[in-house]
N, C-alpha and C. Protein backbone atom coordinates (compact mmCIF):
# COMPACT_ATOMS: atom_id res chain seq x y z
N PRO A 1 0.83 -1.19 0.00
CA PRO A 1 0.00 0.00 0.00
C PRO A 1 0.88 1.26 0.00
N PRO A 2 0.38 2.36 -0.53
CA PRO A 2 1.15 3.60 -0.54
C PRO A 2 1.32 4.15 0.87
N PHE A 3 2.39 4.88 1.06
CA PHE A 3 2.68 5.51 2.35
C PHE A 3 1.63 6.59 2.62
N GLU A 4 1.15 6.64 3.83
CA GLU A 4 0.20 7.67 4.23
C GLU A 4 0.81 8.48 5.37
N ALA A 5 1.11 9.74 5.10
CA ALA A 5 1.70 10.61 6.11
C ALA A 5 0.62 11.07 7.09
N ARG A 6 1.01 11.17 8.36
CA ARG A 6 0.11 11.66 9.40
C ARG A 6 0.88 12.63 10.28
N LEU A 7 0.30 13.79 10.52
CA LEU A 7 0.93 14.79 11.37
C LEU A 7 0.87 14.35 12.83
N ASP A 8 2.02 14.42 13.49
CA ASP A 8 2.08 14.23 14.93
C ASP A 8 2.43 15.59 15.50
N ALA A 9 1.42 16.36 15.88
CA ALA A 9 1.61 17.73 16.33
C ALA A 9 2.50 17.83 17.56
N SER A 10 2.67 16.74 18.30
CA SER A 10 3.53 16.77 19.48
C SER A 10 5.00 16.87 19.10
N LEU A 11 5.32 16.68 17.83
CA LEU A 11 6.70 16.76 17.36
C LEU A 11 6.97 18.05 16.58
N VAL A 12 6.07 19.02 16.70
CA VAL A 12 6.23 20.30 16.00
C VAL A 12 6.21 21.43 17.03
N ALA A 13 7.23 22.28 16.97
CA ALA A 13 7.30 23.46 17.84
C ALA A 13 7.00 24.70 17.02
N ASP A 14 6.52 25.75 17.70
CA ASP A 14 6.24 27.01 17.00
C ASP A 14 7.04 28.14 17.64
N LEU A 15 6.88 29.33 17.08
CA LEU A 15 7.63 30.49 17.56
C LEU A 15 7.36 30.76 19.04
N ALA A 16 6.13 30.64 19.48
CA ALA A 16 5.81 30.90 20.89
C ALA A 16 6.60 29.97 21.81
N LYS A 17 6.72 28.72 21.44
CA LYS A 17 7.48 27.78 22.27
C LYS A 17 8.95 28.16 22.31
N VAL A 18 9.52 28.45 21.13
CA VAL A 18 10.94 28.81 21.09
C VAL A 18 11.17 30.08 21.90
N ARG A 19 10.29 31.06 21.76
CA ARG A 19 10.45 32.30 22.52
C ARG A 19 10.37 32.04 24.01
N SER A 20 9.52 31.13 24.45
CA SER A 20 9.43 30.82 25.88
C SER A 20 10.74 30.20 26.37
N LEU A 21 11.38 29.40 25.55
CA LEU A 21 12.66 28.79 25.91
C LEU A 21 13.76 29.86 25.99
N VAL A 22 13.75 30.78 25.03
CA VAL A 22 14.71 31.89 25.04
C VAL A 22 14.51 32.75 26.28
N ASP A 23 13.25 33.07 26.58
CA ASP A 23 12.95 33.90 27.75
C ASP A 23 13.44 33.22 29.03
N ALA A 24 13.23 31.92 29.15
CA ALA A 24 13.69 31.18 30.33
C ALA A 24 15.22 31.25 30.42
N PHE A 25 15.89 31.02 29.31
CA PHE A 25 17.35 31.08 29.29
C PHE A 25 17.84 32.46 29.71
N GLN A 26 17.23 33.51 29.15
CA GLN A 26 17.68 34.87 29.44
C GLN A 26 17.39 35.29 30.88
N SER A 27 16.41 34.67 31.51
CA SER A 27 16.09 35.01 32.90
C SER A 27 16.97 34.25 33.89
N GLY A 28 17.78 33.32 33.37
CA GLY A 28 18.65 32.53 34.23
C GLY A 28 18.04 31.23 34.68
N ALA A 29 16.80 30.97 34.26
CA ALA A 29 16.13 29.70 34.60
C ALA A 29 16.59 28.62 33.62
N ALA A 30 16.42 27.40 34.00
CA ALA A 30 16.74 26.29 33.10
C ALA A 30 15.56 26.08 32.16
N PRO A 31 15.75 26.29 30.84
CA PRO A 31 14.64 26.05 29.91
C PRO A 31 14.20 24.59 29.94
N ALA A 32 12.93 24.36 29.67
CA ALA A 32 12.39 23.00 29.66
C ALA A 32 12.97 22.16 28.53
N GLN A 33 13.42 22.82 27.46
CA GLN A 33 14.01 22.13 26.32
C GLN A 33 15.19 22.97 25.82
N THR A 34 16.09 22.32 25.08
CA THR A 34 17.21 23.01 24.46
C THR A 34 16.96 23.07 22.97
N VAL A 35 17.19 24.25 22.38
CA VAL A 35 17.08 24.40 20.93
C VAL A 35 18.42 24.01 20.32
N VAL A 36 18.38 23.08 19.36
CA VAL A 36 19.59 22.69 18.62
C VAL A 36 19.43 23.20 17.20
N ASP A 37 20.43 23.93 16.72
CA ASP A 37 20.39 24.61 15.43
C ASP A 37 21.24 23.83 14.43
N ALA A 38 20.62 23.37 13.35
CA ALA A 38 21.29 22.53 12.36
C ALA A 38 22.01 23.32 11.27
N ARG A 39 21.93 24.66 11.31
CA ARG A 39 22.63 25.47 10.31
C ARG A 39 24.14 25.39 10.52
N SER A 40 24.89 25.89 9.56
CA SER A 40 26.36 25.88 9.69
C SER A 40 26.79 26.69 10.90
N GLN A 41 27.97 26.38 11.41
CA GLN A 41 28.53 27.11 12.55
C GLN A 41 28.63 28.60 12.24
N ALA A 42 29.05 28.94 11.00
CA ALA A 42 29.21 30.34 10.61
C ALA A 42 27.87 31.08 10.62
N ARG A 43 26.81 30.45 10.17
CA ARG A 43 25.49 31.08 10.21
C ARG A 43 25.02 31.21 11.65
N PHE A 44 25.21 30.19 12.46
CA PHE A 44 24.84 30.21 13.87
C PHE A 44 25.54 31.36 14.59
N GLU A 45 26.83 31.51 14.36
CA GLU A 45 27.61 32.54 15.04
C GLU A 45 27.37 33.94 14.49
N GLY A 46 26.73 34.03 13.32
CA GLY A 46 26.43 35.32 12.74
C GLY A 46 27.55 35.90 11.91
N VAL A 47 28.56 35.08 11.56
CA VAL A 47 29.66 35.59 10.74
C VAL A 47 29.39 35.39 9.25
N ALA A 48 28.43 34.55 8.91
CA ALA A 48 28.02 34.35 7.52
C ALA A 48 26.66 35.00 7.32
N LYS A 49 26.51 35.69 6.22
CA LYS A 49 25.25 36.36 5.90
C LYS A 49 24.18 35.31 5.59
N GLU A 50 22.97 35.58 6.04
CA GLU A 50 21.86 34.68 5.75
C GLU A 50 21.43 34.82 4.29
N ALA A 51 21.05 33.72 3.68
CA ALA A 51 20.65 33.72 2.27
C ALA A 51 19.27 34.36 2.07
N ARG A 52 18.42 34.29 3.08
CA ARG A 52 17.07 34.84 2.97
C ARG A 52 17.07 36.34 3.24
N ALA A 53 16.50 37.07 2.33
CA ALA A 53 16.39 38.53 2.51
C ALA A 53 15.60 38.81 3.78
N GLY A 54 16.08 39.76 4.57
CA GLY A 54 15.37 40.16 5.78
C GLY A 54 15.70 39.33 7.00
N CYS A 55 16.49 38.27 6.83
CA CYS A 55 16.87 37.44 7.98
C CYS A 55 18.16 37.96 8.59
N ARG A 56 18.13 38.16 9.88
CA ARG A 56 19.32 38.59 10.59
C ARG A 56 20.29 37.41 10.73
N SER A 57 21.53 37.71 11.02
CA SER A 57 22.54 36.68 11.24
C SER A 57 22.70 36.43 12.73
N GLY A 58 22.86 35.19 13.12
CA GLY A 58 23.04 34.83 14.52
C GLY A 58 22.17 33.66 14.91
N HIS A 59 21.79 33.60 16.18
CA HIS A 59 20.99 32.48 16.68
C HIS A 59 20.12 32.92 17.86
N ALA A 60 19.18 32.07 18.20
CA ALA A 60 18.33 32.31 19.37
C ALA A 60 19.18 32.10 20.63
N PRO A 61 19.16 33.06 21.55
CA PRO A 61 19.94 32.90 22.77
C PRO A 61 19.61 31.59 23.49
N GLY A 62 20.67 30.92 23.95
CA GLY A 62 20.51 29.66 24.65
C GLY A 62 20.55 28.43 23.77
N SER A 63 20.52 28.63 22.46
CA SER A 63 20.53 27.47 21.57
C SER A 63 21.95 26.91 21.41
N ARG A 64 22.03 25.71 20.90
CA ARG A 64 23.31 25.02 20.68
C ARG A 64 23.47 24.75 19.20
N SER A 65 24.69 24.83 18.73
CA SER A 65 24.99 24.59 17.31
C SER A 65 25.36 23.14 17.07
N VAL A 66 24.55 22.46 16.25
CA VAL A 66 24.84 21.09 15.81
C VAL A 66 24.61 21.06 14.30
N PRO A 67 25.59 21.57 13.52
CA PRO A 67 25.42 21.56 12.06
C PRO A 67 25.10 20.15 11.57
N PHE A 68 24.08 20.05 10.72
CA PHE A 68 23.58 18.73 10.32
C PHE A 68 24.65 17.86 9.69
N ASP A 69 25.63 18.47 9.01
CA ASP A 69 26.64 17.64 8.34
C ASP A 69 27.57 16.94 9.32
N ARG A 70 27.58 17.35 10.58
CA ARG A 70 28.44 16.70 11.57
C ARG A 70 27.92 15.33 11.99
N VAL A 71 26.65 15.04 11.72
CA VAL A 71 26.12 13.71 12.06
C VAL A 71 26.22 12.75 10.87
N LEU A 72 26.80 13.25 9.77
CA LEU A 72 26.95 12.43 8.56
C LEU A 72 28.41 12.07 8.34
N GLN A 73 28.62 10.91 7.73
CA GLN A 73 29.95 10.49 7.32
C GLN A 73 30.27 11.12 5.97
N ALA A 74 31.50 10.99 5.52
CA ALA A 74 31.93 11.59 4.26
C ALA A 74 31.09 11.11 3.07
N ASP A 75 30.58 9.88 3.13
CA ASP A 75 29.78 9.35 2.01
C ASP A 75 28.30 9.74 2.10
N GLY A 76 27.94 10.56 3.10
CA GLY A 76 26.56 11.02 3.24
C GLY A 76 25.68 10.13 4.10
N THR A 77 26.19 9.01 4.55
CA THR A 77 25.41 8.15 5.43
C THR A 77 25.56 8.62 6.87
N MET A 78 24.66 8.16 7.70
CA MET A 78 24.65 8.56 9.11
C MET A 78 25.83 7.95 9.85
N ARG A 79 26.42 8.72 10.74
CA ARG A 79 27.47 8.20 11.61
C ARG A 79 26.87 7.13 12.52
N PRO A 80 27.69 6.24 13.07
CA PRO A 80 27.18 5.26 14.03
C PRO A 80 26.56 5.96 15.24
N PRO A 81 25.61 5.32 15.91
CA PRO A 81 24.89 5.95 17.02
C PRO A 81 25.78 6.58 18.08
N GLU A 82 26.86 5.90 18.46
CA GLU A 82 27.72 6.46 19.50
C GLU A 82 28.44 7.73 19.03
N GLN A 83 28.74 7.83 17.73
CA GLN A 83 29.36 9.04 17.20
C GLN A 83 28.33 10.18 17.12
N VAL A 84 27.10 9.84 16.76
CA VAL A 84 26.03 10.86 16.75
C VAL A 84 25.86 11.42 18.16
N ALA A 85 25.80 10.55 19.15
CA ALA A 85 25.66 11.00 20.54
C ALA A 85 26.83 11.90 20.93
N ALA A 86 28.03 11.56 20.48
CA ALA A 86 29.22 12.36 20.81
C ALA A 86 29.14 13.75 20.18
N VAL A 87 28.60 13.85 18.96
CA VAL A 87 28.45 15.15 18.28
C VAL A 87 27.54 16.06 19.13
N PHE A 88 26.43 15.52 19.59
CA PHE A 88 25.51 16.32 20.42
C PHE A 88 26.16 16.68 21.76
N ALA A 89 26.87 15.74 22.36
CA ALA A 89 27.53 16.01 23.65
C ALA A 89 28.60 17.10 23.49
N GLU A 90 29.39 17.02 22.42
CA GLU A 90 30.44 18.02 22.19
C GLU A 90 29.85 19.42 21.97
N ALA A 91 28.61 19.49 21.49
CA ALA A 91 27.95 20.78 21.28
C ALA A 91 27.32 21.32 22.57
N GLY A 92 27.42 20.55 23.65
CA GLY A 92 26.86 21.00 24.92
C GLY A 92 25.38 20.71 25.07
N VAL A 93 24.88 19.79 24.25
CA VAL A 93 23.46 19.40 24.33
C VAL A 93 23.29 18.48 25.53
N PRO A 94 22.27 18.73 26.36
CA PRO A 94 22.05 17.88 27.54
C PRO A 94 21.94 16.40 27.20
N GLY A 95 22.06 15.57 28.23
CA GLY A 95 22.07 14.12 28.09
C GLY A 95 20.92 13.49 27.35
N VAL A 96 20.96 12.19 27.25
CA VAL A 96 20.07 11.44 26.38
C VAL A 96 18.59 11.58 26.69
N ASP A 97 18.24 11.96 27.89
CA ASP A 97 16.82 12.08 28.24
C ASP A 97 16.28 13.50 28.12
N ALA A 98 17.12 14.45 27.72
CA ALA A 98 16.70 15.85 27.66
C ALA A 98 15.88 16.12 26.40
N PRO A 99 14.73 16.76 26.54
CA PRO A 99 13.93 17.09 25.36
C PRO A 99 14.55 18.25 24.58
N LEU A 100 14.44 18.19 23.26
CA LEU A 100 15.08 19.16 22.37
C LEU A 100 14.09 19.74 21.38
N VAL A 101 14.43 20.91 20.84
CA VAL A 101 13.71 21.50 19.72
C VAL A 101 14.73 21.71 18.62
N GLY A 102 14.49 21.15 17.44
CA GLY A 102 15.40 21.30 16.31
C GLY A 102 15.01 22.47 15.44
N SER A 103 16.01 23.26 15.06
CA SER A 103 15.80 24.42 14.20
C SER A 103 16.87 24.41 13.12
N CYS A 104 16.62 25.14 12.05
CA CYS A 104 17.60 25.28 10.96
C CYS A 104 17.21 26.53 10.19
N GLY A 105 17.35 26.53 8.88
CA GLY A 105 16.93 27.68 8.10
C GLY A 105 15.44 27.72 7.86
N SER A 106 14.86 26.55 7.56
CA SER A 106 13.43 26.51 7.24
C SER A 106 12.73 25.26 7.76
N GLY A 107 13.39 24.46 8.56
CA GLY A 107 12.78 23.25 9.10
C GLY A 107 13.18 21.97 8.39
N VAL A 108 13.97 22.07 7.32
CA VAL A 108 14.33 20.88 6.55
C VAL A 108 15.52 20.15 7.16
N THR A 109 16.66 20.84 7.34
CA THR A 109 17.83 20.13 7.86
C THR A 109 17.69 19.78 9.34
N ALA A 110 16.78 20.44 10.04
CA ALA A 110 16.49 20.01 11.42
C ALA A 110 15.96 18.58 11.41
N ALA A 111 15.32 18.20 10.31
CA ALA A 111 14.82 16.82 10.18
C ALA A 111 15.98 15.82 10.11
N VAL A 112 17.13 16.25 9.60
CA VAL A 112 18.32 15.38 9.60
C VAL A 112 18.73 15.11 11.05
N LEU A 113 18.67 16.15 11.89
CA LEU A 113 18.99 15.94 13.30
C LEU A 113 17.98 15.00 13.96
N ALA A 114 16.71 15.13 13.58
CA ALA A 114 15.68 14.22 14.12
C ALA A 114 16.00 12.78 13.73
N LEU A 115 16.39 12.57 12.48
CA LEU A 115 16.75 11.23 12.03
C LEU A 115 17.98 10.73 12.78
N ALA A 116 18.98 11.60 12.97
CA ALA A 116 20.19 11.21 13.69
C ALA A 116 19.85 10.81 15.12
N LEU A 117 18.96 11.58 15.76
CA LEU A 117 18.57 11.25 17.13
C LEU A 117 17.78 9.94 17.18
N GLU A 118 16.95 9.71 16.18
CA GLU A 118 16.24 8.41 16.09
C GLU A 118 17.27 7.29 16.00
N HIS A 119 18.26 7.48 15.16
CA HIS A 119 19.35 6.52 14.97
C HIS A 119 20.09 6.25 16.28
N ALA A 120 20.22 7.31 17.10
CA ALA A 120 20.93 7.18 18.37
C ALA A 120 19.98 6.85 19.54
N GLY A 121 18.70 6.63 19.22
CA GLY A 121 17.74 6.21 20.24
C GLY A 121 17.02 7.32 20.98
N ARG A 122 16.96 8.56 20.42
CA ARG A 122 16.33 9.67 21.13
C ARG A 122 15.28 10.43 20.33
N ALA A 123 14.79 9.96 19.22
CA ALA A 123 13.96 10.78 18.33
C ALA A 123 12.69 11.32 18.96
N SER A 124 12.07 10.58 19.84
CA SER A 124 10.81 11.05 20.40
C SER A 124 11.01 12.30 21.26
N LEU A 125 12.25 12.66 21.52
CA LEU A 125 12.54 13.82 22.35
C LEU A 125 12.84 15.07 21.53
N LEU A 126 12.73 15.02 20.21
CA LEU A 126 13.03 16.18 19.37
C LEU A 126 11.77 16.67 18.67
N GLU A 127 11.42 17.92 18.93
CA GLU A 127 10.36 18.59 18.18
C GLU A 127 11.05 19.44 17.13
N ILE A 128 10.45 19.58 15.97
CA ILE A 128 11.03 20.43 14.93
C ILE A 128 10.28 21.76 14.90
N TYR A 129 11.04 22.84 14.98
CA TYR A 129 10.48 24.18 14.86
C TYR A 129 10.38 24.46 13.37
N ASP A 130 9.18 24.30 12.82
CA ASP A 130 9.03 24.38 11.36
C ASP A 130 9.20 25.79 10.81
N GLY A 131 9.04 26.81 11.61
CA GLY A 131 9.31 28.18 11.15
C GLY A 131 10.80 28.45 11.06
N SER A 132 11.54 27.83 11.96
CA SER A 132 12.99 27.90 12.04
C SER A 132 13.53 29.31 11.85
N TRP A 133 14.76 29.42 11.34
CA TRP A 133 15.40 30.73 11.28
C TRP A 133 14.70 31.68 10.31
N ALA A 134 14.04 31.14 9.30
CA ALA A 134 13.31 32.00 8.37
C ALA A 134 12.27 32.84 9.13
N GLU A 135 11.62 32.25 10.12
CA GLU A 135 10.64 32.97 10.92
C GLU A 135 11.31 33.75 12.06
N TYR A 136 12.12 33.06 12.86
CA TYR A 136 12.71 33.69 14.03
C TYR A 136 13.68 34.81 13.64
N GLY A 137 14.60 34.53 12.75
CA GLY A 137 15.60 35.51 12.34
C GLY A 137 15.03 36.65 11.52
N GLY A 138 13.88 36.43 10.92
CA GLY A 138 13.22 37.48 10.14
C GLY A 138 12.34 38.39 10.97
N ASP A 139 12.20 38.08 12.25
CA ASP A 139 11.35 38.86 13.15
C ASP A 139 12.23 39.71 14.05
N GLU A 140 12.30 40.99 13.76
CA GLU A 140 13.17 41.92 14.50
C GLU A 140 12.85 41.98 16.00
N SER A 141 11.67 41.54 16.39
CA SER A 141 11.30 41.62 17.80
C SER A 141 11.88 40.46 18.62
N GLN A 142 12.44 39.46 17.96
CA GLN A 142 12.98 38.30 18.68
C GLN A 142 14.42 38.56 19.12
N PRO A 143 14.78 38.16 20.34
CA PRO A 143 16.15 38.33 20.82
C PRO A 143 17.14 37.58 19.92
N LEU A 144 18.35 38.13 19.83
CA LEU A 144 19.37 37.59 18.93
C LEU A 144 20.70 37.48 19.68
N ALA A 145 21.42 36.42 19.41
CA ALA A 145 22.78 36.26 19.94
C ALA A 145 23.71 35.99 18.76
N THR A 146 24.97 36.37 18.91
CA THR A 146 25.98 36.07 17.90
C THR A 146 27.17 35.46 18.62
N GLY A 147 28.09 34.93 17.85
CA GLY A 147 29.26 34.27 18.42
C GLY A 147 28.94 32.85 18.79
N PRO A 148 29.95 32.14 19.31
CA PRO A 148 29.72 30.74 19.69
C PRO A 148 28.77 30.64 20.89
N ALA A 149 28.15 29.49 21.03
CA ALA A 149 27.32 29.23 22.21
C ALA A 149 28.23 29.22 23.44
N PRO A 150 27.75 29.72 24.58
CA PRO A 150 28.59 29.68 25.78
C PRO A 150 28.83 28.24 26.22
N PRO A 151 29.87 28.01 26.99
CA PRO A 151 30.12 26.64 27.47
C PRO A 151 28.89 26.10 28.21
N ALA A 152 28.68 24.81 28.07
CA ALA A 152 27.52 24.17 28.72
C ALA A 152 27.75 24.02 30.21
């Protein structure tokens, strides 16, 4: 039979959720989830110009940089589960039971992180922010950070 897609709304985050996580981080509280950004390190840090007109350069305060290509091997296949887990740990992403929100430019490469986490045994803990940087970075009212993420 043909594949039938079904939306699981529990795996989709929106701007209001991401903003609540940023607000918690900025107030010094521990956010309920960590935002992981699948864009390149240069885009995350704000040193590379965004391709989308009107999008600022940088990242949501409190987020962690996990460029999607770091979970892939040179041939484009997924790294082994233990290497995927190490990539997230090196980026300062909380342990295996911590809930995450994946972001990128438009919600597409964040799905690569979701697949990587599934591969490493954590997929049910990642929601994808489908507006991603196109929405957040294009909204001047949203807080912005540049440079590397602070140490975890």
